[in-house]
Amino acid sequence: MSDGSSQGLFVVVAIVIFGIFVLISYLLFKDTLKPNLANIYCDAFEQVSGNTHLLDGNEGNCVGKFHNSFEVKGYIGIWFQNVYRCPDIWTPDNTGMRTINLKKLSSVDMPIVEDGYVFIDAISDDNVGVKQEAIDKGFGNRRNRSTTIEMNGVSYRFSEVSYGNAYYKLGEGAKLKVNAINDIKITYTNVHGGKTTYNIQVKIINE
């Protein structure tokens, strides 16, 4: 066998071995790689879309960064300072504006009201999970998310959590207007960078 034939055979064998290695790696780690490969695929579409405005980022099986991947199956609640009760401000069966009467929150304690504002201690959510649609498209079922809460234009950012329920302690001075409609926006960011946003309106009265 000539040197050229030997080298050619070596190259073929190397390619076959490498192919077997890639196949075994894919079979072992396909569940982990699928979302990441999907992101690489979709990043290409997003770049083309940004440069040409011809694509919407959803071509083929592309799911991008899995925007709108989360859903709140339980509730979103609000905690007022000095009151140990958490009224709901959003539930799946009632997504409209909520009205909260401060005088009816508790027969024992009253929230702190100053200069037309009521002070807020925290926001909490219950049973946050991954939508079945996102799971079917390769997202997996990881609930890891970082959260941003915006109240009347003031933002509070929270580090990543991995469980379904969370209690978001707001900073000192967090407050909502009394006798007015307040806008609260809660944004969950998943591990791929996709965002799920809930826009909530709460009217606070004190009568």
Protein backbone atom coordinates (compact mmCIF):
# COMPACT_ATOMS: atom_id res chain seq x y z
CA MET A 1 0.00 0.00 0.00
CA SER A 2 1.38 3.39 -1.00
CA ASP A 3 1.88 6.29 1.38
CA GLY A 4 -0.97 8.15 -0.29
CA SER A 5 -3.35 5.21 0.19
CA SER A 6 -2.31 4.85 3.83
CA GLN A 7 -2.94 8.52 4.51
CA GLY A 8 -6.32 8.36 2.77
CA LEU A 9 -7.34 5.32 4.81
CA PHE A 10 -6.23 7.05 8.02
CA VAL A 11 -8.39 10.08 7.20
CA VAL A 12 -11.44 7.87 6.53
CA VAL A 13 -10.97 5.97 9.77
CA ALA A 14 -10.55 9.23 11.71
CA ILE A 15 -13.74 10.63 10.21
CA VAL A 16 -15.68 7.48 11.07
CA ILE A 17 -14.40 7.50 14.66
CA PHE A 18 -15.25 11.18 15.04
CA GLY A 19 -18.72 10.58 13.62
CA ILE A 20 -19.33 7.76 16.11
CA PHE A 21 -18.17 10.00 18.96
CA VAL A 22 -20.52 12.81 17.87
CA LEU A 23 -23.45 10.40 17.56
CA ILE A 24 -22.85 8.90 21.02
CA SER A 25 -22.51 12.39 22.54
CA TYR A 26 -25.77 13.48 20.94
CA LEU A 27 -27.65 10.42 22.17
CA LEU A 28 -26.35 10.91 25.70
CA PHE A 29 -26.91 14.65 25.95
CA LYS A 30 -29.65 15.44 23.42
CA ASP A 31 -32.12 16.60 26.10
CA THR A 32 -29.58 19.09 27.42
CA LEU A 33 -28.36 20.23 24.02
CA LYS A 34 -31.75 20.69 22.39
CA PRO A 35 -32.62 24.10 23.88
CA ASN A 36 -29.08 25.39 23.32
CA LEU A 37 -29.03 24.22 19.72
CA ALA A 38 -32.43 25.82 19.25
CA ASN A 39 -31.03 29.10 20.53
CA ILE A 40 -28.09 28.96 18.10
CA TYR A 41 -30.52 28.26 15.28
CA CYS A 42 -32.84 31.08 16.28
CA ASP A 43 -30.07 33.59 16.96
CA ALA A 44 -29.21 33.29 13.27
CA PHE A 45 -32.80 34.07 12.33
CA GLU A 46 -32.91 36.99 14.76
CA GLN A 47 -29.74 38.45 13.28
CA VAL A 48 -31.10 38.14 9.75
CA SER A 49 -34.39 39.66 10.89
CA GLY A 50 -32.60 42.59 12.50
CA ASN A 51 -30.60 43.28 9.35
CA THR A 52 -33.28 42.70 6.71
CA HIS A 53 -36.63 42.95 8.54
CA LEU A 54 -37.78 40.00 6.43
CA LEU A 55 -38.13 37.39 9.17
CA ASP A 56 -40.17 37.37 12.37
CA GLY A 57 -37.96 34.95 14.29
CA ASN A 58 -40.51 32.14 14.24
CA GLU A 59 -39.62 30.37 11.01
CA GLY A 60 -39.72 26.59 10.99
CA ASN A 61 -39.28 25.11 14.45
CA CYS A 62 -37.53 28.19 15.78
CA VAL A 63 -38.71 29.20 19.23
CA GLY A 64 -36.00 31.78 19.87
CA LYS A 65 -35.33 32.39 23.53
CA PHE A 66 -38.66 30.89 24.57
CA HIS A 67 -40.50 34.12 25.24
CA ASN A 68 -43.76 33.66 27.19
CA SER A 69 -42.51 30.31 28.49
CA PHE A 70 -43.89 30.71 32.03
CA GLU A 71 -47.40 30.75 33.43
CA VAL A 72 -48.72 31.58 36.88
CA LYS A 73 -51.12 28.78 37.75
CA GLY A 74 -51.87 30.03 41.25
CA TYR A 75 -51.91 33.73 42.02
CA ILE A 76 -49.91 36.94 42.34
CA GLY A 77 -50.42 38.70 45.66
CA ILE A 78 -49.40 41.91 47.37
CA TRP A 79 -48.24 42.43 50.96
CA PHE A 80 -48.81 45.78 52.68
CA GLN A 81 -46.55 46.95 55.48
CA ASN A 82 -47.99 46.35 58.95
CA VAL A 83 -50.72 43.99 57.67
CA TYR A 84 -50.33 40.19 57.72
CA ARG A 85 -52.62 39.47 54.82
CA CYS A 86 -51.93 39.05 51.11
CA PRO A 87 -54.82 39.94 48.81
CA ASP A 88 -54.63 38.61 45.24
CA ILE A 89 -53.97 41.10 42.48
CA TRP A 90 -53.95 38.54 39.64
CA THR A 91 -55.32 35.03 39.13
CA PRO A 92 -55.75 33.01 35.91
CA ASP A 93 -59.55 33.32 36.15
CA ASN A 94 -59.52 37.06 36.91
CA THR A 95 -56.89 39.04 35.05
CA GLY A 96 -58.66 42.40 35.18
CA MET A 97 -58.08 45.38 37.42
CA ARG A 98 -58.41 44.71 41.15
CA THR A 99 -59.73 47.14 43.74
CA ILE A 100 -58.36 46.90 47.28
CA ASN A 101 -60.02 48.73 50.16
CA LEU A 102 -57.38 49.34 52.81
CA LYS A 103 -59.93 49.61 55.60
CA LYS A 104 -61.19 46.11 54.86
CA LEU A 105 -57.80 44.40 54.82
CA SER A 106 -57.67 43.67 58.54
CA SER A 107 -59.77 44.24 61.63
CA VAL A 108 -56.62 44.40 63.77
CA ASP A 109 -53.91 46.30 61.91
CA MET A 110 -53.97 49.08 59.35
CA PRO A 111 -51.43 49.55 56.54
CA ILE A 112 -49.14 52.55 56.67
CA VAL A 113 -50.54 55.46 54.66
CA GLU A 114 -48.68 58.75 54.25
CA ASP A 115 -49.23 61.70 51.91
CA GLY A 116 -51.62 59.78 49.69
CA TYR A 117 -49.47 56.64 49.39
CA VAL A 118 -49.66 53.21 51.02
CA PHE A 119 -46.39 51.39 51.74
CA ILE A 120 -45.83 47.97 50.19
CA ASP A 121 -43.74 45.25 51.80
CA ALA A 122 -43.59 42.57 49.10
CA ILE A 123 -45.06 40.86 46.06
CA SER A 124 -45.49 37.09 46.01
CA ASP A 125 -46.40 34.51 43.38
CA ASP A 126 -47.71 30.98 43.64
CA ASN A 127 -47.29 27.94 41.40
CA VAL A 128 -45.22 29.42 38.57
CA GLY A 129 -44.48 26.76 35.97
CA VAL A 130 -43.40 26.22 32.38
CA LYS A 131 -46.10 26.22 29.73
CA GLN A 132 -46.72 22.87 28.08
CA GLU A 133 -46.24 24.52 24.69
CA ALA A 134 -42.69 25.54 25.65
CA ILE A 135 -41.95 22.04 26.98
CA ASP A 136 -43.16 20.50 23.72
CA LYS A 137 -40.79 22.79 21.79
CA GLY A 138 -37.73 21.72 23.76
CA PHE A 139 -37.53 24.19 26.64
CA GLY A 140 -37.61 21.49 29.34
CA ASN A 141 -39.34 22.01 32.68
CA ARG A 142 -36.81 24.21 34.53
CA ARG A 143 -38.59 26.98 36.42
CA ASN A 144 -35.38 28.95 37.01
CA ARG A 145 -36.15 32.60 36.51
CA SER A 146 -34.98 36.04 37.52
CA THR A 147 -37.71 38.57 38.23
CA THR A 148 -38.17 42.29 37.71
CA ILE A 149 -41.09 44.08 39.35
CA GLU A 150 -42.01 47.56 38.22
CA MET A 151 -44.50 49.64 40.21
CA ASN A 152 -45.53 52.97 38.74
CA GLY A 153 -42.22 53.21 36.90
CA VAL A 154 -39.94 52.16 39.79
CA SER A 155 -38.09 48.87 39.16
CA TYR A 156 -36.99 46.19 41.64
CA ARG A 157 -34.78 43.34 40.41
CA PHE A 158 -34.43 39.95 42.06
CA SER A 159 -31.95 37.13 41.58
CA GLU A 160 -32.81 33.75 40.13
CA VAL A 161 -35.14 31.33 41.88
CA SER A 162 -35.81 27.72 40.88
CA TYR A 163 -39.04 26.91 42.69
CA GLY A 164 -42.67 27.65 41.92
CA ASN A 165 -43.41 30.04 44.79
CA ALA A 166 -41.48 33.21 45.58
CA TYR A 167 -41.68 36.12 48.02
CA TYR A 168 -40.18 39.31 46.62
CA LYS A 169 -39.24 41.67 49.42
CA LEU A 170 -39.29 45.20 48.04
CA GLY A 171 -36.95 47.97 49.07
CA GLU A 172 -37.69 50.60 51.66
CA GLY A 173 -40.07 53.22 50.38
CA ALA A 174 -41.97 50.97 47.98
CA LYS A 175 -45.45 52.42 47.72
CA LEU A 176 -48.64 52.73 45.69
CA LYS A 177 -50.98 55.65 45.23
CA VAL A 178 -54.22 55.73 47.22
CA ASN A 179 -57.45 56.60 45.37
CA ALA A 180 -55.71 55.94 42.07
CA ILE A 181 -55.04 53.15 39.58
CA ASN A 182 -51.52 51.73 39.92
CA ASP A 183 -49.62 49.87 37.21
CA ILE A 184 -47.57 46.85 38.24
CA LYS A 185 -45.47 44.94 35.71
CA ILE A 186 -43.86 41.63 36.60
CA THR A 187 -41.31 40.20 34.16
CA TYR A 188 -39.82 36.72 34.47
CA THR A 189 -36.62 36.02 32.51
CA ASN A 190 -35.79 32.38 31.82
CA VAL A 191 -32.36 30.76 31.50
CA HIS A 192 -32.32 31.39 27.73
CA GLY A 193 -33.10 35.10 28.03
CA GLY A 194 -36.77 34.83 27.07
CA LYS A 195 -39.23 37.02 28.94
CA THR A 196 -42.75 36.48 30.25
CA THR A 197 -44.56 39.64 31.39
CA TYR A 198 -47.68 40.20 33.45
CA ASN A 199 -49.24 43.67 33.35
CA ILE A 200 -51.46 44.27 36.37
CA GLN A 201 -53.60 47.19 37.45
CA VAL A 202 -54.57 47.76 41.09
CA LYS A 203 -56.86 50.49 42.38
CA ILE A 204 -56.28 51.37 46.02
CA ILE A 205 -59.09 52.97 48.02
CA ASN A 206 -59.29 53.88 51.70
CA GLU A 207 -62.94 54.26 52.63
